[in-house]
Amino acid sequence: MLFDSRSGGGFSLDGIRHLSAIQPISSSAVGGGGESEVSLCIPVRGMEAFVIGIRGTIIQSMMQRSGAKMRVNRNGEMSITGTVAGVEHARVLLEERMETGRRKESRGPGRG
């Protein structure tokens, strides 16, 4: 997990950048291409709506671009599943989206 208990359960993007928690979940090939399916969970608590988007447009776009499946659970974690390359691409897209949200948040209301 990327939760930092010292800061009240938040997370840091540095933790995501240095992430080595991509775990194989199946030895079966994905899509017949011979690649194993892997899964990764990233905390997005407090940013769920921002990473999902209106009517799911943001998360759908990230899934289409990366080829990975993405889902936010009730615990505020984004589950990313797919090939290693797809999961890594989705992780980068999610990281960029969250960084954008953090910058907007730090500017405060009325400055966006």
PDB file of N, CA and C in Angstrom:
ATOM      1  N   MET A   1       0.831  -1.197   0.000  1.00  0.00           N
ATOM      2  CA  MET A   1       0.000   0.000   0.000  1.00  0.00           C
ATOM      3  C   MET A   1       0.865   1.245   0.000  1.00  0.00           C
ATOM      4  N   LEU A   2       0.308   2.311  -0.521  1.00  0.00           N
ATOM      5  CA  LEU A   2       1.034   3.564  -0.557  1.00  0.00           C
ATOM      6  C   LEU A   2       0.560   4.528   0.518  1.00  0.00           C
ATOM      7  N   PHE A   3      -0.304   4.043   1.422  1.00  0.00           N
ATOM      8  CA  PHE A   3      -0.781   4.920   2.474  1.00  0.00           C
ATOM      9  C   PHE A   3       0.355   5.242   3.422  1.00  0.00           C
ATOM     10  N   ASP A   4       0.403   6.489   3.864  1.00  0.00           N
ATOM     11  CA  ASP A   4       1.418   6.927   4.802  1.00  0.00           C
ATOM     12  C   ASP A   4       0.725   7.176   6.124  1.00  0.00           C
ATOM     13  N   SER A   5       0.877   6.260   7.071  1.00  0.00           N
ATOM     14  CA  SER A   5       0.176   6.373   8.345  1.00  0.00           C
ATOM     15  C   SER A   5       0.643   7.582   9.135  1.00  0.00           C
ATOM     16  N   ARG A   6       1.841   8.066   8.868  1.00  0.00           N
ATOM     17  CA  ARG A   6       2.341   9.231   9.600  1.00  0.00           C
ATOM     18  C   ARG A   6       1.593  10.500   9.224  1.00  0.00           C
ATOM     19  N   SER A   7       1.007  10.547   8.021  1.00  0.00           N
ATOM     20  CA  SER A   7       0.325  11.767   7.593  1.00  0.00           C
ATOM     21  C   SER A   7      -1.192  11.591   7.588  1.00  0.00           C
ATOM     22  N   GLY A   8      -1.691  10.674   8.394  1.00  0.00           N
ATOM     23  CA  GLY A   8      -3.130  10.525   8.518  1.00  0.00           C
ATOM     24  C   GLY A   8      -3.769   9.738   7.384  1.00  0.00           C
ATOM     25  N   GLY A   9      -3.031   8.846   6.761  1.00  0.00           N
ATOM     26  CA  GLY A   9      -3.621   7.983   5.748  1.00  0.00           C
ATOM     27  C   GLY A   9      -3.551   8.528   4.340  1.00  0.00           C
ATOM     28  N   GLY A  10      -2.845   9.626   4.117  1.00  0.00           N
ATOM     29  CA  GLY A  10      -2.702  10.164   2.775  1.00  0.00           C
ATOM     30  C   GLY A  10      -1.701   9.352   1.982  1.00  0.00           C
ATOM     31  N   PHE A  11      -1.363   9.830   0.819  1.00  0.00           N
ATOM     32  CA  PHE A  11      -0.375   9.138   0.012  1.00  0.00           C
ATOM     33  C   PHE A  11       0.503  10.158  -0.665  1.00  0.00           C
ATOM     34  N   SER A  12       1.620   9.694  -1.171  1.00  0.00           N
ATOM     35  CA  SER A  12       2.507  10.596  -1.883  1.00  0.00           C
ATOM     36  C   SER A  12       2.712  10.076  -3.294  1.00  0.00           C
ATOM     37  N   LEU A  13       2.827  10.989  -4.235  1.00  0.00           N
ATOM     38  CA  LEU A  13       3.089  10.587  -5.609  1.00  0.00           C
ATOM     39  C   LEU A  13       4.475   9.972  -5.722  1.00  0.00           C
ATOM     40  N   ASP A  14       5.392  10.321  -4.825  1.00  0.00           N
ATOM     41  CA  ASP A  14       6.712   9.692  -4.839  1.00  0.00           C
ATOM     42  C   ASP A  14       6.575   8.192  -4.620  1.00  0.00           C
ATOM     43  N   GLY A  15       5.636   7.800  -3.761  1.00  0.00           N
ATOM     44  CA  GLY A  15       5.394   6.385  -3.521  1.00  0.00           C
ATOM     45  C   GLY A  15       4.904   5.682  -4.768  1.00  0.00           C
ATOM     46  N   ILE A  16       4.106   6.365  -5.573  1.00  0.00           N
ATOM     47  CA  ILE A  16       3.610   5.774  -6.812  1.00  0.00           C
ATOM     48  C   ILE A  16       4.743   5.701  -7.827  1.00  0.00           C
ATOM     49  N   ARG A  17       5.550   6.732  -7.934  1.00  0.00           N
ATOM     50  CA  ARG A  17       6.638   6.752  -8.919  1.00  0.00           C
ATOM     51  C   ARG A  17       7.633   5.620  -8.695  1.00  0.00           C
ATOM     52  N   HIS A  18       7.836   5.234  -7.442  1.00  0.00           N
ATOM     53  CA  HIS A  18       8.810   4.201  -7.130  1.00  0.00           C
ATOM     54  C   HIS A  18       8.132   2.878  -6.840  1.00  0.00           C
ATOM     55  N   LEU A  19       6.961   2.709  -7.365  1.00  0.00           N
ATOM     56  CA  LEU A  19       6.142   1.552  -7.074  1.00  0.00           C
ATOM     57  C   LEU A  19       6.708   0.286  -7.689  1.00  0.00           C
ATOM     58  N   SER A  20       6.786  -0.731  -6.901  1.00  0.00           N
ATOM     59  CA  SER A  20       7.195  -2.032  -7.423  1.00  0.00           C
ATOM     60  C   SER A  20       6.178  -3.074  -7.002  1.00  0.00           C
ATOM     61  N   ALA A  21       4.937  -2.649  -6.819  1.00  0.00           N
ATOM     62  CA  ALA A  21       3.903  -3.523  -6.286  1.00  0.00           C
ATOM     63  C   ALA A  21       3.029  -4.153  -7.359  1.00  0.00           C
ATOM     64  N   ILE A  22       3.460  -4.142  -8.602  1.00  0.00           N
ATOM     65  CA  ILE A  22       2.682  -4.797  -9.635  1.00  0.00           C
ATOM     66  C   ILE A  22       2.801  -6.296  -9.397  1.00  0.00           C
ATOM     67  N   GLN A  23       1.671  -6.934  -9.146  1.00  0.00           N
ATOM     68  CA  GLN A  23       1.653  -8.339  -8.780  1.00  0.00           C
ATOM     69  C   GLN A  23       0.983  -9.186  -9.846  1.00  0.00           C
ATOM     70  N   PRO A  24       1.584 -10.321 -10.203  1.00  0.00           N
ATOM     71  CA  PRO A  24       0.910 -11.223 -11.123  1.00  0.00           C
ATOM     72  C   PRO A  24      -0.312 -11.820 -10.439  1.00  0.00           C
ATOM     73  N   ILE A  25      -1.426 -11.862 -11.137  1.00  0.00           N
ATOM     74  CA  ILE A  25      -2.632 -12.446 -10.547  1.00  0.00           C
ATOM     75  C   ILE A  25      -3.057 -13.703 -11.271  1.00  0.00           C
ATOM     76  N   SER A  26      -2.419 -13.980 -12.396  1.00  0.00           N
ATOM     77  CA  SER A  26      -2.797 -15.155 -13.156  1.00  0.00           C
ATOM     78  C   SER A  26      -1.631 -15.560 -14.041  1.00  0.00           C
ATOM     79  N   SER A  27      -1.451 -16.839 -14.204  1.00  0.00           N
ATOM     80  CA  SER A  27      -0.402 -17.296 -15.106  1.00  0.00           C
ATOM     81  C   SER A  27      -0.956 -17.517 -16.505  1.00  0.00           C
ATOM     82  N   SER A  28      -2.262 -17.297 -16.666  1.00  0.00           N
ATOM     83  CA  SER A  28      -2.858 -17.490 -17.982  1.00  0.00           C
ATOM     84  C   SER A  28      -2.552 -16.301 -18.873  1.00  0.00           C
ATOM     85  N   ALA A  29      -2.505 -16.554 -20.150  1.00  0.00           N
ATOM     86  CA  ALA A  29      -2.219 -15.491 -21.110  1.00  0.00           C
ATOM     87  C   ALA A  29      -3.403 -14.561 -21.233  1.00  0.00           C
ATOM     88  N   VAL A  30      -3.130 -13.287 -21.457  1.00  0.00           N
ATOM     89  CA  VAL A  30      -4.160 -12.276 -21.654  1.00  0.00           C
ATOM     90  C   VAL A  30      -4.350 -12.098 -23.145  1.00  0.00           C
ATOM     91  N   GLY A  31      -5.547 -12.278 -23.620  1.00  0.00           N
ATOM     92  CA  GLY A  31      -5.863 -12.038 -25.022  1.00  0.00           C
ATOM     93  C   GLY A  31      -5.088 -12.909 -25.992  1.00  0.00           C
ATOM     94  N   GLY A  32      -4.579 -14.044 -25.538  1.00  0.00           N
ATOM     95  CA  GLY A  32      -3.869 -14.939 -26.424  1.00  0.00           C
ATOM     96  C   GLY A  32      -2.487 -14.456 -26.818  1.00  0.00           C
ATOM     97  N   GLY A  33      -2.038 -13.334 -26.263  1.00  0.00           N
ATOM     98  CA  GLY A  33      -0.758 -12.761 -26.643  1.00  0.00           C
ATOM     99  C   GLY A  33       0.420 -13.298 -25.861  1.00  0.00           C
ATOM    100  N   GLY A  34       0.178 -14.202 -24.929  1.00  0.00           N
ATOM    101  CA  GLY A  34       1.264 -14.792 -24.173  1.00  0.00           C
ATOM    102  C   GLY A  34       1.722 -13.986 -22.984  1.00  0.00           C
ATOM    103  N   GLU A  35       1.088 -12.872 -22.685  1.00  0.00           N
ATOM    104  CA  GLU A  35       1.489 -12.058 -21.544  1.00  0.00           C
ATOM    105  C   GLU A  35       0.630 -12.398 -20.333  1.00  0.00           C
ATOM    106  N   SER A  36       1.239 -12.427 -19.165  1.00  0.00           N
ATOM    107  CA  SER A  36       0.507 -12.693 -17.937  1.00  0.00           C
ATOM    108  C   SER A  36      -0.291 -11.463 -17.525  1.00  0.00           C
ATOM    109  N   GLU A  37      -1.375 -11.717 -16.821  1.00  0.00           N
ATOM    110  CA  GLU A  37      -2.194 -10.636 -16.297  1.00  0.00           C
ATOM    111  C   GLU A  37      -1.650 -10.240 -14.931  1.00  0.00           C
ATOM    112  N   VAL A  38      -1.548  -8.943 -14.694  1.00  0.00           N
ATOM    113  CA  VAL A  38      -1.059  -8.425 -13.423  1.00  0.00           C
ATOM    114  C   VAL A  38      -2.071  -7.430 -12.869  1.00  0.00           C
ATOM    115  N   SER A  39      -1.923  -7.127 -11.588  1.00  0.00           N
ATOM    116  CA  SER A  39      -2.840  -6.202 -10.937  1.00  0.00           C
ATOM    117  C   SER A  39      -2.066  -5.271 -10.012  1.00  0.00           C
ATOM    118  N   LEU A  40      -2.597  -4.071  -9.845  1.00  0.00           N
ATOM    119  CA  LEU A  40      -1.972  -3.055  -9.012  1.00  0.00           C
ATOM    120  C   LEU A  40      -3.082  -2.244  -8.345  1.00  0.00           C
ATOM    121  N   CYS A  41      -2.933  -1.921  -7.064  1.00  0.00           N
ATOM    122  CA  CYS A  41      -3.888  -1.057  -6.365  1.00  0.00           C
ATOM    123  C   CYS A  41      -3.184   0.221  -5.949  1.00  0.00           C
ATOM    124  N   ILE A  42      -3.830   1.357  -6.234  1.00  0.00           N
ATOM    125  CA  ILE A  42      -3.281   2.663  -5.889  1.00  0.00           C
ATOM    126  C   ILE A  42      -4.351   3.434  -5.123  1.00  0.00           C
ATOM    127  N   PRO A  43      -4.031   3.984  -3.968  1.00  0.00           N
ATOM    128  CA  PRO A  43      -5.017   4.767  -3.216  1.00  0.00           C
ATOM    129  C   PRO A  43      -5.363   6.070  -3.932  1.00  0.00           C
ATOM    130  N   VAL A  44      -6.653   6.332  -4.059  1.00  0.00           N
ATOM    131  CA  VAL A  44      -7.127   7.569  -4.686  1.00  0.00           C
ATOM    132  C   VAL A  44      -8.169   8.264  -3.799  1.00  0.00           C
ATOM    133  N   ARG A  45      -8.223   7.877  -2.543  1.00  0.00           N
ATOM    134  CA  ARG A  45      -9.224   8.401  -1.608  1.00  0.00           C
ATOM    135  C   ARG A  45      -9.245   9.927  -1.635  1.00  0.00           C
ATOM    136  N   GLY A  46     -10.438  10.478  -1.765  1.00  0.00           N
ATOM    137  CA  GLY A  46     -10.626  11.919  -1.821  1.00  0.00           C
ATOM    138  C   GLY A  46     -10.558  12.466  -3.237  1.00  0.00           C
ATOM    139  N   MET A  47     -10.106  11.649  -4.177  1.00  0.00           N
ATOM    140  CA  MET A  47      -9.990  12.091  -5.570  1.00  0.00           C
ATOM    141  C   MET A  47     -10.801  11.184  -6.504  1.00  0.00           C
ATOM    142  N   GLU A  48     -11.665  10.356  -5.921  1.00  0.00           N
ATOM    143  CA  GLU A  48     -12.416   9.390  -6.719  1.00  0.00           C
ATOM    144  C   GLU A  48     -13.161  10.049  -7.873  1.00  0.00           C
ATOM    145  N   ALA A  49     -13.914  11.087  -7.588  1.00  0.00           N
ATOM    146  CA  ALA A  49     -14.702  11.757  -8.633  1.00  0.00           C
ATOM    147  C   ALA A  49     -13.798  12.362  -9.700  1.00  0.00           C
ATOM    148  N   PHE A  50     -12.669  12.884  -9.292  1.00  0.00           N
ATOM    149  CA  PHE A  50     -11.745  13.507 -10.236  1.00  0.00           C
ATOM    150  C   PHE A  50     -11.123  12.478 -11.175  1.00  0.00           C
ATOM    151  N   VAL A  51     -10.784  11.300 -10.674  1.00  0.00           N
ATOM    152  CA  VAL A  51     -10.163  10.290 -11.539  1.00  0.00           C
ATOM    153  C   VAL A  51     -11.185   9.496 -12.341  1.00  0.00           C
ATOM    154  N   ILE A  52     -12.444   9.495 -11.899  1.00  0.00           N
ATOM    155  CA  ILE A  52     -13.507   8.819 -12.654  1.00  0.00           C
ATOM    156  C   ILE A  52     -14.065   9.746 -13.724  1.00  0.00           C
ATOM    157  N   GLY A  53     -14.313  10.997 -13.363  1.00  0.00           N
ATOM    158  CA  GLY A  53     -14.863  11.967 -14.311  1.00  0.00           C
ATOM    159  C   GLY A  53     -16.375  11.877 -14.414  1.00  0.00           C
ATOM    160  N   ILE A  54     -16.958  12.868 -15.046  1.00  0.00           N
ATOM    161  CA  ILE A  54     -18.410  12.910 -15.233  1.00  0.00           C
ATOM    162  C   ILE A  54     -18.819  11.751 -16.126  1.00  0.00           C
ATOM    163  N   ARG A  55     -19.750  10.949 -15.627  1.00  0.00           N
ATOM    164  CA  ARG A  55     -20.247   9.756 -16.338  1.00  0.00           C
ATOM    165  C   ARG A  55     -19.129   8.777 -16.684  1.00  0.00           C
ATOM    166  N   GLY A  56     -18.036   8.820 -15.937  1.00  0.00           N
ATOM    167  CA  GLY A  56     -16.947   7.886 -16.148  1.00  0.00           C
ATOM    168  C   GLY A  56     -16.047   8.193 -17.333  1.00  0.00           C
ATOM    169  N   THR A  57     -16.139   9.410 -17.855  1.00  0.00           N
ATOM    170  CA  THR A  57     -15.387   9.724 -19.075  1.00  0.00           C
ATOM    171  C   THR A  57     -13.879   9.661 -18.889  1.00  0.00           C
ATOM    172  N   ILE A  58     -13.371  10.085 -17.750  1.00  0.00           N
ATOM    173  CA  ILE A  58     -11.923  10.106 -17.529  1.00  0.00           C
ATOM    174  C   ILE A  58     -11.387   8.681 -17.399  1.00  0.00           C
ATOM    175  N   ILE A  59     -12.010   7.880 -16.545  1.00  0.00           N
ATOM    176  CA  ILE A  59     -11.530   6.515 -16.346  1.00  0.00           C
ATOM    177  C   ILE A  59     -11.691   5.695 -17.632  1.00  0.00           C
ATOM    178  N   GLN A  60     -12.755   5.926 -18.383  1.00  0.00           N
ATOM    179  CA  GLN A  60     -12.940   5.217 -19.652  1.00  0.00           C
ATOM    180  C   GLN A  60     -11.837   5.580 -20.642  1.00  0.00           C
ATOM    181  N   SER A  61     -11.470   6.848 -20.679  1.00  0.00           N
ATOM    182  CA  SER A  61     -10.399   7.291 -21.562  1.00  0.00           C
ATOM    183  C   SER A  61      -9.067   6.649 -21.169  1.00  0.00           C
ATOM    184  N   MET A  62      -8.786   6.603 -19.855  1.00  0.00           N
ATOM    185  CA  MET A  62      -7.537   5.990 -19.394  1.00  0.00           C
ATOM    186  C   MET A  62      -7.516   4.502 -19.728  1.00  0.00           C
ATOM    187  N   MET A  63      -8.655   3.830 -19.589  1.00  0.00           N
ATOM    188  CA  MET A  63      -8.708   2.402 -19.917  1.00  0.00           C
ATOM    189  C   MET A  63      -8.502   2.175 -21.409  1.00  0.00           C
ATOM    190  N   GLN A  64      -9.125   3.006 -22.223  1.00  0.00           N
ATOM    191  CA  GLN A  64      -8.985   2.867 -23.670  1.00  0.00           C
ATOM    192  C   GLN A  64      -7.537   3.110 -24.109  1.00  0.00           C
ATOM    193  N   ARG A  65      -6.922   4.136 -23.539  1.00  0.00           N
ATOM    194  CA  ARG A  65      -5.550   4.486 -23.923  1.00  0.00           C
ATOM    195  C   ARG A  65      -4.526   3.453 -23.451  1.00  0.00           C
ATOM    196  N   SER A  66      -4.765   2.855 -22.280  1.00  0.00           N
ATOM    197  CA  SER A  66      -3.783   1.925 -21.714  1.00  0.00           C
ATOM    198  C   SER A  66      -4.060   0.464 -22.047  1.00  0.00           C
ATOM    199  N   GLY A  67      -5.312   0.152 -22.303  1.00  0.00           N
ATOM    200  CA  GLY A  67      -5.689  -1.237 -22.526  1.00  0.00           C
ATOM    201  C   GLY A  67      -5.885  -2.016 -21.234  1.00  0.00           C
ATOM    202  N   ALA A  68      -5.754  -1.350 -20.084  1.00  0.00           N
ATOM    203  CA  ALA A  68      -5.927  -1.998 -18.779  1.00  0.00           C
ATOM    204  C   ALA A  68      -7.345  -1.744 -18.257  1.00  0.00           C
ATOM    205  N   LYS A  69      -7.800  -2.618 -17.372  1.00  0.00           N
ATOM    206  CA  LYS A  69      -9.086  -2.423 -16.692  1.00  0.00           C
ATOM    207  C   LYS A  69      -8.812  -1.635 -15.420  1.00  0.00           C
ATOM    208  N   MET A  70      -9.657  -0.647 -15.148  1.00  0.00           N
ATOM    209  CA  MET A  70      -9.482   0.188 -13.969  1.00  0.00           C
ATOM    210  C   MET A  70     -10.807   0.284 -13.232  1.00  0.00           C
ATOM    211  N   ARG A  71     -10.748   0.177 -11.911  1.00  0.00           N
ATOM    212  CA  ARG A  71     -11.958   0.237 -11.105  1.00  0.00           C
ATOM    213  C   ARG A  71     -11.617   0.831  -9.746  1.00  0.00           C
ATOM    214  N   VAL A  72     -12.478   1.719  -9.247  1.00  0.00           N
ATOM    215  CA  VAL A  72     -12.293   2.287  -7.916  1.00  0.00           C
ATOM    216  C   VAL A  72     -13.208   1.528  -6.960  1.00  0.00           C
ATOM    217  N   ASN A  73     -12.626   0.998  -5.883  1.00  0.00           N
ATOM    218  CA  ASN A  73     -13.448   0.274  -4.909  1.00  0.00           C
ATOM    219  C   ASN A  73     -13.941   1.205  -3.806  1.00  0.00           C
ATOM    220  N   ARG A  74     -14.740   0.678  -2.924  1.00  0.00           N
ATOM    221  CA  ARG A  74     -15.340   1.489  -1.851  1.00  0.00           C
ATOM    222  C   ARG A  74     -14.334   1.960  -0.812  1.00  0.00           C
ATOM    223  N   ASN A  75     -13.144   1.390  -0.829  1.00  0.00           N
ATOM    224  CA  ASN A  75     -12.094   1.793   0.110  1.00  0.00           C
ATOM    225  C   ASN A  75     -11.235   2.923  -0.445  1.00  0.00           C
ATOM    226  N   GLY A  76     -11.596   3.443  -1.618  1.00  0.00           N
ATOM    227  CA  GLY A  76     -10.837   4.532  -2.206  1.00  0.00           C
ATOM    228  C   GLY A  76      -9.553   4.079  -2.863  1.00  0.00           C
ATOM    229  N   GLU A  77      -9.539   2.854  -3.380  1.00  0.00           N
ATOM    230  CA  GLU A  77      -8.371   2.345  -4.081  1.00  0.00           C
ATOM    231  C   GLU A  77      -8.715   2.095  -5.545  1.00  0.00           C
ATOM    232  N   MET A  78      -7.805   2.470  -6.424  1.00  0.00           N
ATOM    233  CA  MET A  78      -7.945   2.197  -7.849  1.00  0.00           C
ATOM    234  C   MET A  78      -7.258   0.865  -8.116  1.00  0.00           C
ATOM    235  N   SER A  79      -8.014  -0.095  -8.619  1.00  0.00           N
ATOM    236  CA  SER A  79      -7.473  -1.383  -9.014  1.00  0.00           C
ATOM    237  C   SER A  79      -7.225  -1.336 -10.511  1.00  0.00           C
ATOM    238  N   ILE A  80      -6.014  -1.656 -10.923  1.00  0.00           N
ATOM    239  CA  ILE A  80      -5.639  -1.657 -12.337  1.00  0.00           C
ATOM    240  C   ILE A  80      -5.203  -3.070 -12.681  1.00  0.00           C
ATOM    241  N   THR A  81      -5.816  -3.646 -13.727  1.00  0.00           N
ATOM    242  CA  THR A  81      -5.525  -5.021 -14.120  1.00  0.00           C
ATOM    243  C   THR A  81      -5.291  -5.086 -15.619  1.00  0.00           C
ATOM    244  N   GLY A  82      -4.306  -5.869 -16.022  1.00  0.00           N
ATOM    245  CA  GLY A  82      -4.015  -6.055 -17.436  1.00  0.00           C
ATOM    246  C   GLY A  82      -2.611  -6.569 -17.631  1.00  0.00           C
ATOM    247  N   THR A  83      -2.066  -6.356 -18.812  1.00  0.00           N
ATOM    248  CA  THR A  83      -0.679  -6.735 -19.071  1.00  0.00           C
ATOM    249  C   THR A  83       0.239  -5.792 -18.301  1.00  0.00           C
ATOM    250  N   VAL A  84       1.481  -6.175 -18.144  1.00  0.00           N
ATOM    251  CA  VAL A  84       2.441  -5.315 -17.438  1.00  0.00           C
ATOM    252  C   VAL A  84       2.513  -3.951 -18.116  1.00  0.00           C
ATOM    253  N   ALA A  85       2.608  -3.938 -19.442  1.00  0.00           N
ATOM    254  CA  ALA A  85       2.699  -2.667 -20.169  1.00  0.00           C
ATOM    255  C   ALA A  85       1.429  -1.847 -20.000  1.00  0.00           C
ATOM    256  N   GLY A  86       0.270  -2.487 -20.064  1.00  0.00           N
ATOM    257  CA  GLY A  86      -1.003  -1.778 -19.908  1.00  0.00           C
ATOM    258  C   GLY A  86      -1.173  -1.204 -18.523  1.00  0.00           C
ATOM    259  N   VAL A  87      -0.814  -1.991 -17.505  1.00  0.00           N
ATOM    260  CA  VAL A  87      -0.921  -1.523 -16.118  1.00  0.00           C
ATOM    261  C   VAL A  87       0.029  -0.363 -15.874  1.00  0.00           C
ATOM    262  N   GLU A  88       1.235  -0.456 -16.391  1.00  0.00           N
ATOM    263  CA  GLU A  88       2.208   0.637 -16.228  1.00  0.00           C
ATOM    264  C   GLU A  88       1.723   1.906 -16.920  1.00  0.00           C
ATOM    265  N   HIS A  89       1.163   1.766 -18.121  1.00  0.00           N
ATOM    266  CA  HIS A  89       0.635   2.925 -18.843  1.00  0.00           C
ATOM    267  C   HIS A  89      -0.526   3.549 -18.067  1.00  0.00           C
ATOM    268  N   ALA A  90      -1.422   2.710 -17.572  1.00  0.00           N
ATOM    269  CA  ALA A  90      -2.556   3.210 -16.787  1.00  0.00           C
ATOM    270  C   ALA A  90      -2.074   3.909 -15.517  1.00  0.00           C
ATOM    271  N   ARG A  91      -1.041   3.360 -14.880  1.00  0.00           N
ATOM    272  CA  ARG A  91      -0.492   3.974 -13.666  1.00  0.00           C
ATOM    273  C   ARG A  91       0.035   5.366 -13.960  1.00  0.00           C
ATOM    274  N   VAL A  92       0.741   5.519 -15.082  1.00  0.00           N
ATOM    275  CA  VAL A  92       1.280   6.823 -15.464  1.00  0.00           C
ATOM    276  C   VAL A  92       0.138   7.799 -15.744  1.00  0.00           C
ATOM    277  N   LEU A  93      -0.891   7.357 -16.471  1.00  0.00           N
ATOM    278  CA  LEU A  93      -2.039   8.220 -16.759  1.00  0.00           C
ATOM    279  C   LEU A  93      -2.731   8.650 -15.466  1.00  0.00           C
ATOM    280  N   LEU A  94      -2.901   7.707 -14.539  1.00  0.00           N
ATOM    281  CA  LEU A  94      -3.539   8.013 -13.260  1.00  0.00           C
ATOM    282  C   LEU A  94      -2.684   8.989 -12.459  1.00  0.00           C
ATOM    283  N   GLU A  95      -1.386   8.776 -12.437  1.00  0.00           N
ATOM    284  CA  GLU A  95      -0.470   9.669 -11.719  1.00  0.00           C
ATOM    285  C   GLU A  95      -0.567  11.091 -12.271  1.00  0.00           C
ATOM    286  N   GLU A  96      -0.586  11.216 -13.599  1.00  0.00           N
ATOM    287  CA  GLU A  96      -0.707  12.539 -14.223  1.00  0.00           C
ATOM    288  C   GLU A  96      -2.028  13.196 -13.854  1.00  0.00           C
ATOM    289  N   ARG A  97      -3.102  12.424 -13.871  1.00  0.00           N
ATOM    290  CA  ARG A  97      -4.431  12.963 -13.534  1.00  0.00           C
ATOM    291  C   ARG A  97      -4.459  13.430 -12.084  1.00  0.00           C
ATOM    292  N   MET A  98      -3.887  12.652 -11.189  1.00  0.00           N
ATOM    293  CA  MET A  98      -3.887  13.014  -9.779  1.00  0.00           C
ATOM    294  C   MET A  98      -3.006  14.234  -9.527  1.00  0.00           C
ATOM    295  N   GLU A  99      -1.896  14.347 -10.229  1.00  0.00           N
ATOM    296  CA  GLU A  99      -1.028  15.522 -10.088  1.00  0.00           C
ATOM    297  C   GLU A  99      -1.772  16.780 -10.537  1.00  0.00           C
ATOM    298  N   THR A 100      -2.518  16.670 -11.617  1.00  0.00           N
ATOM    299  CA  THR A 100      -3.333  17.801 -12.089  1.00  0.00           C
ATOM    300  C   THR A 100      -4.332  18.213 -11.015  1.00  0.00           C
ATOM    301  N   GLY A 101      -4.971  17.231 -10.404  1.00  0.00           N
ATOM    302  CA  GLY A 101      -5.936  17.508  -9.337  1.00  0.00           C
ATOM    303  C   GLY A 101      -5.293  18.163  -8.139  1.00  0.00           C
ATOM    304  N   ARG A 102      -4.111  17.712  -7.768  1.00  0.00           N
ATOM    305  CA  ARG A 102      -3.399  18.300  -6.624  1.00  0.00           C
ATOM    306  C   ARG A 102      -3.036  19.765  -6.902  1.00  0.00           C
ATOM    307  N   ARG A 103      -2.594  20.055  -8.134  1.00  0.00           N
ATOM    308  CA  ARG A 103      -2.261  21.442  -8.478  1.00  0.00           C
ATOM    309  C   ARG A 103      -3.493  22.325  -8.415  1.00  0.00           C
ATOM    310  N   LYS A 104      -4.613  21.847  -8.945  1.00  0.00           N
ATOM    311  CA  LYS A 104      -5.850  22.635  -8.899  1.00  0.00           C
ATOM    312  C   LYS A 104      -6.286  22.857  -7.468  1.00  0.00           C
ATOM    313  N   GLU A 105      -6.154  21.824  -6.640  1.00  0.00           N
ATOM    314  CA  GLU A 105      -6.534  21.907  -5.244  1.00  0.00           C
ATOM    315  C   GLU A 105      -5.672  22.917  -4.492  1.00  0.00           C
ATOM    316  N   SER A 106      -4.386  22.971  -4.797  1.00  0.00           N
ATOM    317  CA  SER A 106      -3.486  23.862  -4.084  1.00  0.00           C
ATOM    318  C   SER A 106      -3.698  25.328  -4.457  1.00  0.00           C
ATOM    319  N   ARG A 107      -4.271  25.577  -5.638  1.00  0.00           N
ATOM    320  CA  ARG A 107      -4.548  26.966  -6.040  1.00  0.00           C
ATOM    321  C   ARG A 107      -5.747  27.542  -5.303  1.00  0.00           C
ATOM    322  N   GLY A 108      -6.580  26.662  -4.782  1.00  0.00           N
ATOM    323  CA  GLY A 108      -7.745  27.115  -4.035  1.00  0.00           C
ATOM    324  C   GLY A 108      -8.911  27.444  -4.953  1.00  0.00           C
ATOM    325  N   PRO A 109     -10.068  27.740  -4.341  1.00  0.00           N
ATOM    326  CA  PRO A 109     -11.271  28.015  -5.118  1.00  0.00           C
ATOM    327  C   PRO A 109     -11.148  29.316  -5.926  1.00  0.00           C
ATOM    328  N   GLY A 110     -11.731  29.295  -7.112  1.00  0.00           N
ATOM    329  CA  GLY A 110     -11.777  30.501  -7.925  1.00  0.00           C
ATOM    330  C   GLY A 110     -10.507  30.836  -8.660  1.00  0.00           C
ATOM    331  N   ARG A 111      -9.530  29.926  -8.646  1.00  0.00           N
ATOM    332  CA  ARG A 111      -8.265  30.200  -9.315  1.00  0.00           C
ATOM    333  C   ARG A 111      -7.965  29.181 -10.400  1.00  0.00           C
ATOM    334  N   GLY A 112      -8.965  28.506 -10.924  1.00  0.00           N
ATOM    335  CA  GLY A 112      -8.703  27.418 -11.832  1.00  0.00           C
ATOM    336  C   GLY A 112      -8.946  27.725 -13.215  1.00  0.00           C
TER     337      GLY A 112
END
